[in-house]
């Protein structure tokens, strides 16, 4: 289950990166919208920006959800660090002192 969720998480991360890079920035950037560009006849600049904004928000929400699910699932499988520290402290306290204390 964790492996499948992790693969989906990585795919979402790559999709978010691509969606952000394709968006038109204020300076022009790598956006496909605009007049006379490569995608000029495909969608209007306003429609492209609106679609990309919604797509990025959706992908971000899904990424956030998979992050929470991965954190919850991984915390159930691994032991707590507090238990390990307490265990090592108990082992140190049960050992005999190296120097005799009753002189």
Protein backbone atom coordinates (compact mmCIF):
# COMPACT_ATOMS: atom_id res chain seq x y z
CA UNK A 1 0.00 0.00 0.00
CA UNK A 2 2.79 2.40 0.92
CA UNK A 3 4.65 1.59 -2.30
CA UNK A 4 1.63 2.36 -4.48
CA UNK A 5 0.97 5.58 -2.58
CA UNK A 6 4.63 6.57 -2.87
CA UNK A 7 4.58 6.04 -6.65
CA UNK A 8 1.43 8.19 -6.93
CA UNK A 9 3.12 10.82 -4.73
CA UNK A 10 6.18 10.97 -7.01
CA UNK A 11 4.01 11.18 -10.14
CA UNK A 12 2.06 14.05 -8.56
CA UNK A 13 5.32 15.84 -7.71
CA UNK A 14 6.50 15.61 -11.33
CA UNK A 15 3.09 16.78 -12.59
CA UNK A 16 3.15 19.79 -10.24
CA UNK A 17 6.61 20.74 -11.48
CA UNK A 18 5.46 20.51 -15.10
CA UNK A 19 2.25 22.45 -14.42
CA UNK A 20 4.16 25.27 -12.72
CA UNK A 21 6.73 25.46 -15.52
CA UNK A 22 4.05 25.61 -18.24
CA UNK A 23 2.13 28.43 -16.56
CA UNK A 24 2.60 31.87 -18.02
CA UNK A 25 4.47 34.13 -15.66
CA UNK A 26 4.25 37.91 -15.62
CA UNK A 27 7.49 38.11 -17.55
CA UNK A 28 6.50 35.64 -20.26
CA UNK A 29 8.38 32.60 -18.98
CA UNK A 30 7.62 29.21 -20.49
CA UNK A 31 3.86 29.76 -20.80
CA UNK A 32 1.97 28.53 -23.85
CA UNK A 33 -0.74 31.18 -23.79
CA UNK A 34 -0.67 34.48 -25.60
CA UNK A 35 -1.11 35.76 -29.12
CA UNK A 36 0.87 34.37 -32.00
CA UNK A 37 2.74 31.82 -29.88
CA UNK A 38 2.92 28.10 -30.38
CA UNK A 39 -0.41 27.54 -28.62
CA UNK A 40 -2.08 30.78 -29.69
CA UNK A 41 -4.98 29.11 -31.49
CA UNK A 42 -5.41 26.31 -28.98
CA UNK A 43 -6.82 28.23 -26.03
CA UNK A 44 -7.15 31.85 -25.14
CA UNK A 45 -4.66 33.33 -22.69
CA UNK A 46 -7.35 33.76 -20.05
CA UNK A 47 -8.67 30.21 -20.48
CA UNK A 48 -5.20 28.70 -20.32
CA UNK A 49 -4.29 30.62 -17.18
CA UNK A 50 -7.56 29.70 -15.50
CA UNK A 51 -7.21 26.01 -16.40
CA UNK A 52 -3.57 25.85 -15.33
CA UNK A 53 -4.33 27.57 -12.03
CA UNK A 54 -7.09 25.09 -11.26
CA UNK A 55 -4.93 22.16 -12.36
CA UNK A 56 -2.06 23.28 -10.15
CA UNK A 57 -4.40 23.73 -7.18
CA UNK A 58 -5.90 20.27 -7.73
CA UNK A 59 -2.47 18.64 -8.05
CA UNK A 60 -1.27 20.49 -4.95
CA UNK A 61 -4.27 19.27 -2.96
CA UNK A 62 -3.69 15.69 -4.06
CA UNK A 63 0.02 15.98 -3.21
CA UNK A 64 -0.88 17.32 0.24
CA UNK A 65 -3.32 14.44 0.79
CA UNK A 66 -0.80 11.78 -0.25
CA UNK A 67 1.80 13.41 2.03
CA UNK A 68 -0.53 13.09 5.02
CA UNK A 69 -1.46 9.51 4.14
CA UNK A 70 2.20 8.51 3.76
CA UNK A 71 3.04 10.08 7.12
CA UNK A 72 0.19 8.26 8.84
CA UNK A 73 1.00 4.90 7.26
CA UNK A 74 4.72 5.12 7.94
CA UNK A 75 4.22 6.05 11.60
CA UNK A 76 2.30 2.81 12.19
CA UNK A 77 5.08 0.59 10.79
CA UNK A 78 8.17 1.98 12.48
CA UNK A 79 8.86 2.05 16.20
CA UNK A 80 9.11 5.37 17.96
CA UNK A 81 12.54 6.85 18.62
CA UNK A 82 11.45 7.48 22.21
CA UNK A 83 11.13 3.73 22.78
CA UNK A 84 14.63 3.17 21.43
CA UNK A 85 16.13 5.87 23.67
CA UNK A 86 14.36 4.50 26.76
CA UNK A 87 15.59 1.02 25.90
CA UNK A 88 19.22 2.18 25.64
CA UNK A 89 18.95 4.11 28.93
CA UNK A 90 17.61 1.03 30.72
CA UNK A 91 20.46 -1.08 29.33
CA UNK A 92 23.04 1.43 30.65
CA UNK A 93 21.42 1.53 34.11
CA UNK A 94 21.41 -2.27 34.55
CA UNK A 95 25.16 -2.67 33.99
CA UNK A 96 27.50 -3.07 36.96
CA UNK A 97 29.70 -0.06 37.68
CA UNK A 98 33.31 -0.47 36.56
CA UNK A 99 34.69 1.06 39.76
CA UNK A 100 33.65 -0.39 43.14
CA UNK A 101 31.56 2.10 45.06
CA UNK A 102 31.80 0.57 48.58
CA UNK A 103 35.40 1.56 49.57
